[in-house]
PDB file of N, CA and C in Angstrom:
ATOM      1  N   UNK A   1      27.438  56.148  77.494  1.00  0.00           N
ATOM      2  CA  UNK A   1      28.035  55.537  78.660  1.00  0.00           C
ATOM      3  C   UNK A   1      28.237  54.121  78.241  1.00  0.00           C
ATOM      4  N   UNK A   2      29.362  53.645  78.526  1.00  0.00           N
ATOM      5  CA  UNK A   2      29.666  52.142  78.269  1.00  0.00           C
ATOM      6  C   UNK A   2      30.732  51.830  79.237  1.00  0.00           C
ATOM      7  N   UNK A   3      30.793  50.656  79.589  1.00  0.00           N
ATOM      8  CA  UNK A   3      31.803  49.835  80.495  1.00  0.00           C
ATOM      9  C   UNK A   3      31.930  48.525  79.911  1.00  0.00           C
ATOM     10  N   UNK A   4      33.071  47.888  80.205  1.00  0.00           N
ATOM     11  CA  UNK A   4      33.378  46.543  79.705  1.00  0.00           C
ATOM     12  C   UNK A   4      32.333  45.573  79.973  1.00  0.00           C
ATOM     13  N   UNK A   5      32.049  44.857  78.978  1.00  0.00           N
ATOM     14  CA  UNK A   5      30.998  43.795  79.031  1.00  0.00           C
ATOM     15  C   UNK A   5      31.305  42.734  80.190  1.00  0.00           C
ATOM     16  N   UNK A   6      32.521  42.447  80.522  1.00  0.00           N
ATOM     17  CA  UNK A   6      32.639  41.494  81.460  1.00  0.00           C
ATOM     18  C   UNK A   6      32.248  41.837  82.957  1.00  0.00           C
ATOM     19  N   UNK A   7      32.081  43.123  83.157  1.00  0.00           N
ATOM     20  CA  UNK A   7      31.501  43.677  84.521  1.00  0.00           C
ATOM     21  C   UNK A   7      30.170  44.192  84.326  1.00  0.00           C
ATOM     22  N   UNK A   8      29.455  43.911  83.254  1.00  0.00           N
ATOM     23  CA  UNK A   8      28.071  44.386  83.143  1.00  0.00           C
ATOM     24  C   UNK A   8      28.072  45.588  82.347  1.00  0.00           C
ATOM     25  N   UNK A   9      26.824  46.151  81.994  1.00  0.00           N
ATOM     26  CA  UNK A   9      26.719  47.284  81.165  1.00  0.00           C
ATOM     27  C   UNK A   9      25.591  48.236  81.571  1.00  0.00           C
ATOM     28  N   UNK A  10      25.630  49.316  80.983  1.00  0.00           N
ATOM     29  CA  UNK A  10      24.407  50.344  81.152  1.00  0.00           C
ATOM     30  C   UNK A  10      23.244  49.763  80.308  1.00  0.00           C
ATOM     31  N   UNK A  11      21.944  50.242  80.773  1.00  0.00           N
ATOM     32  CA  UNK A  11      20.889  49.974  79.945  1.00  0.00           C
ATOM     33  C   UNK A  11      21.019  50.494  78.480  1.00  0.00           C
ATOM     34  N   UNK A  12      20.554  49.749  77.603  1.00  0.00           N
ATOM     35  CA  UNK A  12      20.531  50.172  76.272  1.00  0.00           C
ATOM     36  C   UNK A  12      19.368  50.884  75.913  1.00  0.00           C
ATOM     37  N   UNK A  13      19.432  52.265  75.739  1.00  0.00           N
ATOM     38  CA  UNK A  13      18.271  53.052  75.539  1.00  0.00           C
ATOM     39  C   UNK A  13      18.772  54.205  74.371  1.00  0.00           C
ATOM     40  N   UNK A  14      17.840  54.594  73.641  1.00  0.00           N
ATOM     41  CA  UNK A  14      18.186  55.621  72.521  1.00  0.00           C
ATOM     42  C   UNK A  14      17.892  56.951  72.947  1.00  0.00           C
ATOM     43  N   UNK A  15      18.517  58.014  72.410  1.00  0.00           N
ATOM     44  CA  UNK A  15      18.087  59.385  72.385  1.00  0.00           C
ATOM     45  C   UNK A  15      18.280  60.096  73.758  1.00  0.00           C
ATOM     46  N   UNK A  16      19.305  59.654  74.448  1.00  0.00           N
ATOM     47  CA  UNK A  16      19.557  60.397  75.753  1.00  0.00           C
ATOM     48  C   UNK A  16      19.859  61.829  75.709  1.00  0.00           C
ATOM     49  N   UNK A  17      20.576  62.194  74.506  1.00  0.00           N
ATOM     50  CA  UNK A  17      20.941  63.491  74.340  1.00  0.00           C
ATOM     51  C   UNK A  17      19.869  64.449  73.901  1.00  0.00           C
ATOM     52  N   UNK A  18      18.650  63.825  73.638  1.00  0.00           N
ATOM     53  CA  UNK A  18      17.481  64.752  73.268  1.00  0.00           C
ATOM     54  C   UNK A  18      16.347  64.657  74.251  1.00  0.00           C
ATOM     55  N   UNK A  19      16.518  64.398  75.514  1.00  0.00           N
ATOM     56  CA  UNK A  19      15.609  64.264  76.435  1.00  0.00           C
ATOM     57  C   UNK A  19      15.272  65.747  76.841  1.00  0.00           C
ATOM     58  N   UNK A  20      13.884  66.075  76.893  1.00  0.00           N
ATOM     59  CA  UNK A  20      13.479  67.359  77.152  1.00  0.00           C
ATOM     60  C   UNK A  20      12.123  67.492  77.844  1.00  0.00           C
ATOM     61  N   UNK A  21      11.558  66.149  78.199  1.00  0.00           N
ATOM     62  CA  UNK A  21      10.256  66.275  78.781  1.00  0.00           C
ATOM     63  C   UNK A  21       9.982  65.038  79.675  1.00  0.00           C
ATOM     64  N   UNK A  22       8.952  65.123  80.453  1.00  0.00           N
ATOM     65  CA  UNK A  22       8.562  64.050  81.263  1.00  0.00           C
ATOM     66  C   UNK A  22       8.233  62.798  80.378  1.00  0.00           C
ATOM     67  N   UNK A  23       7.613  62.971  79.277  1.00  0.00           N
ATOM     68  CA  UNK A  23       7.333  61.857  78.262  1.00  0.00           C
ATOM     69  C   UNK A  23       8.577  61.233  77.870  1.00  0.00           C
ATOM     70  N   UNK A  24       9.558  62.073  77.563  1.00  0.00           N
ATOM     71  CA  UNK A  24      10.932  61.381  77.153  1.00  0.00           C
ATOM     72  C   UNK A  24      11.544  60.501  78.175  1.00  0.00           C
ATOM     73  N   UNK A  25      11.409  60.881  79.518  1.00  0.00           N
ATOM     74  CA  UNK A  25      12.039  60.120  80.627  1.00  0.00           C
ATOM     75  C   UNK A  25      11.152  58.865  80.724  1.00  0.00           C
ATOM     76  N   UNK A  26       9.796  58.990  80.441  1.00  0.00           N
ATOM     77  CA  UNK A  26       9.021  57.776  80.643  1.00  0.00           C
ATOM     78  C   UNK A  26       9.330  56.784  79.570  1.00  0.00           C
ATOM     79  N   UNK A  27       9.679  57.228  78.324  1.00  0.00           N
ATOM     80  CA  UNK A  27      10.223  56.351  77.339  1.00  0.00           C
ATOM     81  C   UNK A  27      11.463  55.768  77.703  1.00  0.00           C
ATOM     82  N   UNK A  28      12.422  56.443  78.234  1.00  0.00           N
ATOM     83  CA  UNK A  28      13.582  55.842  78.731  1.00  0.00           C
ATOM     84  C   UNK A  28      13.403  54.888  79.721  1.00  0.00           C
ATOM     85  N   UNK A  29      12.554  55.052  80.794  1.00  0.00           N
ATOM     86  CA  UNK A  29      12.276  54.061  81.708  1.00  0.00           C
ATOM     87  C   UNK A  29      11.767  52.838  81.058  1.00  0.00           C
ATOM     88  N   UNK A  30      10.770  53.053  80.105  1.00  0.00           N
ATOM     89  CA  UNK A  30      10.153  51.853  79.413  1.00  0.00           C
ATOM     90  C   UNK A  30      11.264  51.049  78.688  1.00  0.00           C
ATOM     91  N   UNK A  31      12.104  51.766  77.949  1.00  0.00           N
ATOM     92  CA  UNK A  31      13.293  51.081  77.277  1.00  0.00           C
ATOM     93  C   UNK A  31      14.259  50.325  78.284  1.00  0.00           C
ATOM     94  N   UNK A  32      14.381  51.038  79.460  1.00  0.00           N
ATOM     95  CA  UNK A  32      15.252  50.272  80.357  1.00  0.00           C
ATOM     96  C   UNK A  32      14.584  49.008  80.950  1.00  0.00           C
ATOM     97  N   UNK A  33      13.431  48.963  81.186  1.00  0.00           N
ATOM     98  CA  UNK A  33      12.545  48.004  81.620  1.00  0.00           C
ATOM     99  C   UNK A  33      12.629  46.803  80.667  1.00  0.00           C
ATOM    100  N   UNK A  34      12.443  47.189  79.347  1.00  0.00           N
ATOM    101  CA  UNK A  34      12.442  46.265  78.125  1.00  0.00           C
ATOM    102  C   UNK A  34      13.849  45.541  78.129  1.00  0.00           C
ATOM    103  N   UNK A  35      14.946  46.443  78.128  1.00  0.00           N
ATOM    104  CA  UNK A  35      16.201  45.872  78.145  1.00  0.00           C
ATOM    105  C   UNK A  35      16.539  44.961  79.289  1.00  0.00           C
ATOM    106  N   UNK A  36      16.139  45.263  80.452  1.00  0.00           N
ATOM    107  CA  UNK A  36      16.274  44.442  81.611  1.00  0.00           C
ATOM    108  C   UNK A  36      15.721  43.174  81.490  1.00  0.00           C
ATOM    109  N   UNK A  37      14.365  43.193  81.087  1.00  0.00           N
ATOM    110  CA  UNK A  37      13.713  41.903  80.655  1.00  0.00           C
ATOM    111  C   UNK A  37      14.492  41.142  79.776  1.00  0.00           C
ATOM    112  N   UNK A  38      14.853  41.692  78.650  1.00  0.00           N
ATOM    113  CA  UNK A  38      15.589  40.820  77.703  1.00  0.00           C
ATOM    114  C   UNK A  38      16.976  40.287  77.981  1.00  0.00           C
ATOM    115  N   UNK A  39      17.732  41.225  78.905  1.00  0.00           N
ATOM    116  CA  UNK A  39      19.138  40.832  79.144  1.00  0.00           C
ATOM    117  C   UNK A  39      19.455  41.109  80.682  1.00  0.00           C
ATOM    118  N   UNK A  40      18.767  40.439  81.532  1.00  0.00           N
ATOM    119  CA  UNK A  40      19.025  40.598  83.037  1.00  0.00           C
ATOM    120  C   UNK A  40      20.452  40.390  83.470  1.00  0.00           C
ATOM    121  N   UNK A  41      20.990  39.370  82.821  1.00  0.00           N
ATOM    122  CA  UNK A  41      22.419  39.188  83.277  1.00  0.00           C
ATOM    123  C   UNK A  41      23.425  40.103  82.720  1.00  0.00           C
ATOM    124  N   UNK A  42      23.058  41.022  81.731  1.00  0.00           N
ATOM    125  CA  UNK A  42      23.968  41.985  81.207  1.00  0.00           C
ATOM    126  C   UNK A  42      24.090  43.165  81.879  1.00  0.00           C
ATOM    127  N   UNK A  43      23.111  43.518  82.806  1.00  0.00           N
ATOM    128  CA  UNK A  43      23.225  44.822  83.558  1.00  0.00           C
ATOM    129  C   UNK A  43      24.121  44.477  84.709  1.00  0.00           C
ATOM    130  N   UNK A  44      24.831  45.617  85.072  1.00  0.00           N
ATOM    131  CA  UNK A  44      25.725  45.558  86.291  1.00  0.00           C
ATOM    132  C   UNK A  44      24.695  45.656  87.569  1.00  0.00           C
ATOM    133  N   UNK A  45      23.648  46.232  87.603  1.00  0.00           N
ATOM    134  CA  UNK A  45      22.836  46.465  88.792  1.00  0.00           C
ATOM    135  C   UNK A  45      21.414  46.055  88.366  1.00  0.00           C
ATOM    136  N   UNK A  46      21.166  44.746  88.279  1.00  0.00           N
ATOM    137  CA  UNK A  46      19.900  44.191  87.754  1.00  0.00           C
ATOM    138  C   UNK A  46      18.896  43.856  88.927  1.00  0.00           C
ATOM    139  N   UNK A  47      19.279  43.911  90.226  1.00  0.00           N
ATOM    140  CA  UNK A  47      18.332  43.938  91.277  1.00  0.00           C
ATOM    141  C   UNK A  47      18.017  45.340  91.801  1.00  0.00           C
ATOM    142  N   UNK A  48      16.734  45.406  92.379  1.00  0.00           N
ATOM    143  CA  UNK A  48      16.422  46.778  92.974  1.00  0.00           C
ATOM    144  C   UNK A  48      17.468  47.272  93.835  1.00  0.00           C
ATOM    145  N   UNK A  49      17.849  46.372  94.822  1.00  0.00           N
ATOM    146  CA  UNK A  49      18.832  46.924  95.830  1.00  0.00           C
ATOM    147  C   UNK A  49      20.119  47.363  95.242  1.00  0.00           C
ATOM    148  N   UNK A  50      20.661  46.719  94.316  1.00  0.00           N
ATOM    149  CA  UNK A  50      21.879  47.128  93.603  1.00  0.00           C
ATOM    150  C   UNK A  50      21.670  48.325  92.669  1.00  0.00           C
ATOM    151  N   UNK A  51      20.428  48.548  92.197  1.00  0.00           N
ATOM    152  CA  UNK A  51      20.072  49.643  91.304  1.00  0.00           C
ATOM    153  C   UNK A  51      20.007  50.887  92.161  1.00  0.00           C
ATOM    154  N   UNK A  52      19.346  50.831  93.346  1.00  0.00           N
ATOM    155  CA  UNK A  52      19.130  51.908  94.173  1.00  0.00           C
ATOM    156  C   UNK A  52      20.408  52.333  94.780  1.00  0.00           C
ATOM    157  N   UNK A  53      21.261  51.324  95.161  1.00  0.00           N
ATOM    158  CA  UNK A  53      22.584  51.724  95.657  1.00  0.00           C
ATOM    159  C   UNK A  53      23.304  52.676  94.615  1.00  0.00           C
ATOM    160  N   UNK A  54      23.287  52.024  93.554  1.00  0.00           N
ATOM    161  CA  UNK A  54      24.074  52.733  92.345  1.00  0.00           C
ATOM    162  C   UNK A  54      23.360  54.162  92.052  1.00  0.00           C
ATOM    163  N   UNK A  55      22.003  54.145  92.192  1.00  0.00           N
ATOM    164  CA  UNK A  55      21.429  55.509  91.799  1.00  0.00           C
ATOM    165  C   UNK A  55      21.984  56.497  92.879  1.00  0.00           C
ATOM    166  N   UNK A  56      22.012  56.153  94.124  1.00  0.00           N
ATOM    167  CA  UNK A  56      22.488  57.073  95.098  1.00  0.00           C
ATOM    168  C   UNK A  56      23.876  57.689  94.713  1.00  0.00           C
ATOM    169  N   UNK A  57      24.832  56.659  94.267  1.00  0.00           N
ATOM    170  CA  UNK A  57      26.197  57.068  93.976  1.00  0.00           C
ATOM    171  C   UNK A  57      26.125  57.824  92.603  1.00  0.00           C
ATOM    172  N   UNK A  58      25.205  57.389  91.675  1.00  0.00           N
ATOM    173  CA  UNK A  58      25.133  58.238  90.397  1.00  0.00           C
ATOM    174  C   UNK A  58      24.659  59.708  90.637  1.00  0.00           C
ATOM    175  N   UNK A  59      23.847  59.870  91.553  1.00  0.00           N
ATOM    176  CA  UNK A  59      23.530  61.286  91.879  1.00  0.00           C
ATOM    177  C   UNK A  59      24.744  62.167  92.248  1.00  0.00           C
ATOM    178  N   UNK A  60      25.615  61.602  92.998  1.00  0.00           N
ATOM    179  CA  UNK A  60      26.856  62.161  93.357  1.00  0.00           C
ATOM    180  C   UNK A  60      27.823  62.442  92.229  1.00  0.00           C
ATOM    181  N   UNK A  61      27.824  61.379  91.270  1.00  0.00           N
ATOM    182  CA  UNK A  61      28.880  61.305  90.334  1.00  0.00           C
ATOM    183  C   UNK A  61      28.539  62.171  89.036  1.00  0.00           C
ATOM    184  N   UNK A  62      27.292  62.507  88.783  1.00  0.00           N
ATOM    185  CA  UNK A  62      26.784  63.097  87.608  1.00  0.00           C
ATOM    186  C   UNK A  62      27.654  64.477  87.297  1.00  0.00           C
ATOM    187  N   UNK A  63      27.902  65.305  88.370  1.00  0.00           N
ATOM    188  CA  UNK A  63      28.782  66.423  87.906  1.00  0.00           C
ATOM    189  C   UNK A  63      30.056  66.068  87.296  1.00  0.00           C
ATOM    190  N   UNK A  64      30.734  64.967  87.782  1.00  0.00           N
ATOM    191  CA  UNK A  64      32.017  64.372  87.227  1.00  0.00           C
ATOM    192  C   UNK A  64      31.803  63.985  85.795  1.00  0.00           C
ATOM    193  N   UNK A  65      30.590  63.336  85.544  1.00  0.00           N
ATOM    194  CA  UNK A  65      30.417  62.890  84.205  1.00  0.00           C
ATOM    195  C   UNK A  65      30.374  64.143  83.217  1.00  0.00           C
ATOM    196  N   UNK A  66      29.699  65.093  83.536  1.00  0.00           N
ATOM    197  CA  UNK A  66      29.615  66.272  82.757  1.00  0.00           C
ATOM    198  C   UNK A  66      30.990  66.994  82.623  1.00  0.00           C
ATOM    199  N   UNK A  67      31.625  67.018  83.675  1.00  0.00           N
ATOM    200  CA  UNK A  67      33.071  67.557  83.534  1.00  0.00           C
ATOM    201  C   UNK A  67      34.018  66.812  82.675  1.00  0.00           C
ATOM    202  N   UNK A  68      33.890  65.460  82.720  1.00  0.00           N
ATOM    203  CA  UNK A  68      34.666  64.646  81.718  1.00  0.00           C
ATOM    204  C   UNK A  68      34.139  64.804  80.338  1.00  0.00           C
ATOM    205  N   UNK A  69      32.991  65.119  80.136  1.00  0.00           N
ATOM    206  CA  UNK A  69      32.581  65.493  78.774  1.00  0.00           C
ATOM    207  C   UNK A  69      32.745  66.953  78.347  1.00  0.00           C
ATOM    208  N   UNK A  70      33.470  67.701  79.223  1.00  0.00           N
ATOM    209  CA  UNK A  70      33.762  69.082  78.982  1.00  0.00           C
ATOM    210  C   UNK A  70      32.482  69.993  79.035  1.00  0.00           C
ATOM    211  N   UNK A  71      31.507  69.612  79.794  1.00  0.00           N
ATOM    212  CA  UNK A  71      30.243  70.475  79.872  1.00  0.00           C
ATOM    213  C   UNK A  71      30.033  70.843  81.309  1.00  0.00           C
ATOM    214  N   UNK A  72      29.378  71.999  81.412  1.00  0.00           N
ATOM    215  CA  UNK A  72      28.926  72.532  82.625  1.00  0.00           C
ATOM    216  C   UNK A  72      27.786  71.711  83.320  1.00  0.00           C
ATOM    217  N   UNK A  73      27.781  71.437  84.562  1.00  0.00           N
ATOM    218  CA  UNK A  73      26.622  70.740  85.130  1.00  0.00           C
ATOM    219  C   UNK A  73      25.639  71.728  85.423  1.00  0.00           C
ATOM    220  N   UNK A  74      24.318  71.656  85.091  1.00  0.00           N
ATOM    221  CA  UNK A  74      23.359  72.672  85.216  1.00  0.00           C
ATOM    222  C   UNK A  74      23.074  72.841  86.799  1.00  0.00           C
ATOM    223  N   UNK A  75      22.796  74.130  87.135  1.00  0.00           N
ATOM    224  CA  UNK A  75      22.473  74.366  88.615  1.00  0.00           C
ATOM    225  C   UNK A  75      21.072  73.701  88.851  1.00  0.00           C
ATOM    226  N   UNK A  76      20.093  73.888  87.881  1.00  0.00           N
ATOM    227  CA  UNK A  76      18.801  73.395  88.117  1.00  0.00           C
ATOM    228  C   UNK A  76      18.572  72.053  87.501  1.00  0.00           C
ATOM    229  N   UNK A  77      18.006  70.961  88.175  1.00  0.00           N
ATOM    230  CA  UNK A  77      17.727  69.727  87.621  1.00  0.00           C
ATOM    231  C   UNK A  77      16.789  69.935  86.412  1.00  0.00           C
ATOM    232  N   UNK A  78      16.996  68.961  85.458  1.00  0.00           N
ATOM    233  CA  UNK A  78      16.204  68.838  84.291  1.00  0.00           C
ATOM    234  C   UNK A  78      15.816  67.451  83.881  1.00  0.00           C
ATOM    235  N   UNK A  79      14.943  67.290  82.967  1.00  0.00           N
ATOM    236  CA  UNK A  79      14.601  65.870  82.540  1.00  0.00           C
ATOM    237  C   UNK A  79      15.738  65.075  81.995  1.00  0.00           C
ATOM    238  N   UNK A  80      16.674  65.718  81.252  1.00  0.00           N
ATOM    239  CA  UNK A  80      17.764  65.107  80.723  1.00  0.00           C
ATOM    240  C   UNK A  80      18.664  64.449  81.846  1.00  0.00           C
ATOM    241  N   UNK A  81      18.886  65.263  82.814  1.00  0.00           N
ATOM    242  CA  UNK A  81      19.750  64.753  84.015  1.00  0.00           C
ATOM    243  C   UNK A  81      19.144  63.583  84.589  1.00  0.00           C
ATOM    244  N   UNK A  82      17.829  63.656  84.789  1.00  0.00           N
ATOM    245  CA  UNK A  82      17.093  62.532  85.393  1.00  0.00           C
ATOM    246  C   UNK A  82      17.262  61.230  84.555  1.00  0.00           C
ATOM    247  N   UNK A  83      17.004  61.298  83.276  1.00  0.00           N
ATOM    248  CA  UNK A  83      17.172  60.234  82.424  1.00  0.00           C
ATOM    249  C   UNK A  83      18.701  59.693  82.579  1.00  0.00           C
ATOM    250  N   UNK A  84      19.628  60.486  82.501  1.00  0.00           N
ATOM    251  CA  UNK A  84      20.980  60.169  82.485  1.00  0.00           C
ATOM    252  C   UNK A  84      21.341  59.321  83.759  1.00  0.00           C
ATOM    253  N   UNK A  85      20.780  59.940  84.850  1.00  0.00           N
ATOM    254  CA  UNK A  85      20.981  59.430  86.254  1.00  0.00           C
ATOM    255  C   UNK A  85      20.419  58.002  86.295  1.00  0.00           C
ATOM    256  N   UNK A  86      19.232  57.742  85.787  1.00  0.00           N
ATOM    257  CA  UNK A  86      18.563  56.388  85.819  1.00  0.00           C
ATOM    258  C   UNK A  86      19.502  55.521  84.962  1.00  0.00           C
ATOM    259  N   UNK A  87      19.919  55.786  83.847  1.00  0.00           N
ATOM    260  CA  UNK A  87      20.626  54.962  82.962  1.00  0.00           C
ATOM    261  C   UNK A  87      21.943  54.624  83.586  1.00  0.00           C
ATOM    262  N   UNK A  88      22.611  55.684  84.098  1.00  0.00           N
ATOM    263  CA  UNK A  88      23.933  55.591  84.785  1.00  0.00           C
ATOM    264  C   UNK A  88      23.766  54.489  85.835  1.00  0.00           C
ATOM    265  N   UNK A  89      22.751  54.587  86.732  1.00  0.00           N
ATOM    266  CA  UNK A  89      22.604  53.653  87.849  1.00  0.00           C
ATOM    267  C   UNK A  89      22.496  52.139  87.380  1.00  0.00           C
ATOM    268  N   UNK A  90      22.059  51.952  86.124  1.00  0.00           N
ATOM    269  CA  UNK A  90      21.838  50.519  85.776  1.00  0.00           C
ATOM    270  C   UNK A  90      23.194  49.980  85.617  1.00  0.00           C
ATOM    271  N   UNK A  91      24.348  50.662  85.288  1.00  0.00           N
ATOM    272  CA  UNK A  91      25.620  49.870  85.067  1.00  0.00           C
ATOM    273  C   UNK A  91      26.831  50.483  85.869  1.00  0.00           C
ATOM    274  N   UNK A  92      26.466  51.426  86.951  1.00  0.00           N
ATOM    275  CA  UNK A  92      27.485  51.999  87.618  1.00  0.00           C
ATOM    276  C   UNK A  92      28.169  51.069  88.513  1.00  0.00           C
ATOM    277  N   UNK A  93      29.434  50.893  88.670  1.00  0.00           N
ATOM    278  CA  UNK A  93      30.110  49.942  89.578  1.00  0.00           C
ATOM    279  C   UNK A  93      30.316  50.571  90.871  1.00  0.00           C
TER     280      UNK A  93
END
């Protein structure tokens, strides 16, 4: 996930494609918090209010993200979807 720097960016985290457990999501959240502390002005949604607004929209937009990647959106939620949604909310416009 990436967007132009002049409008902000998504949290910089590694290994989103390999999320399989609660511990993996916890690591993503820690990396997001570390990235926000280091680069608060780089995030599109760096306040709780903006992040939560974007999180709501991200939940609705995730099926489109999967479709754009040529993938089927799973019927059942999983840890990877949760992690993708959180990272997506950090930079969603």
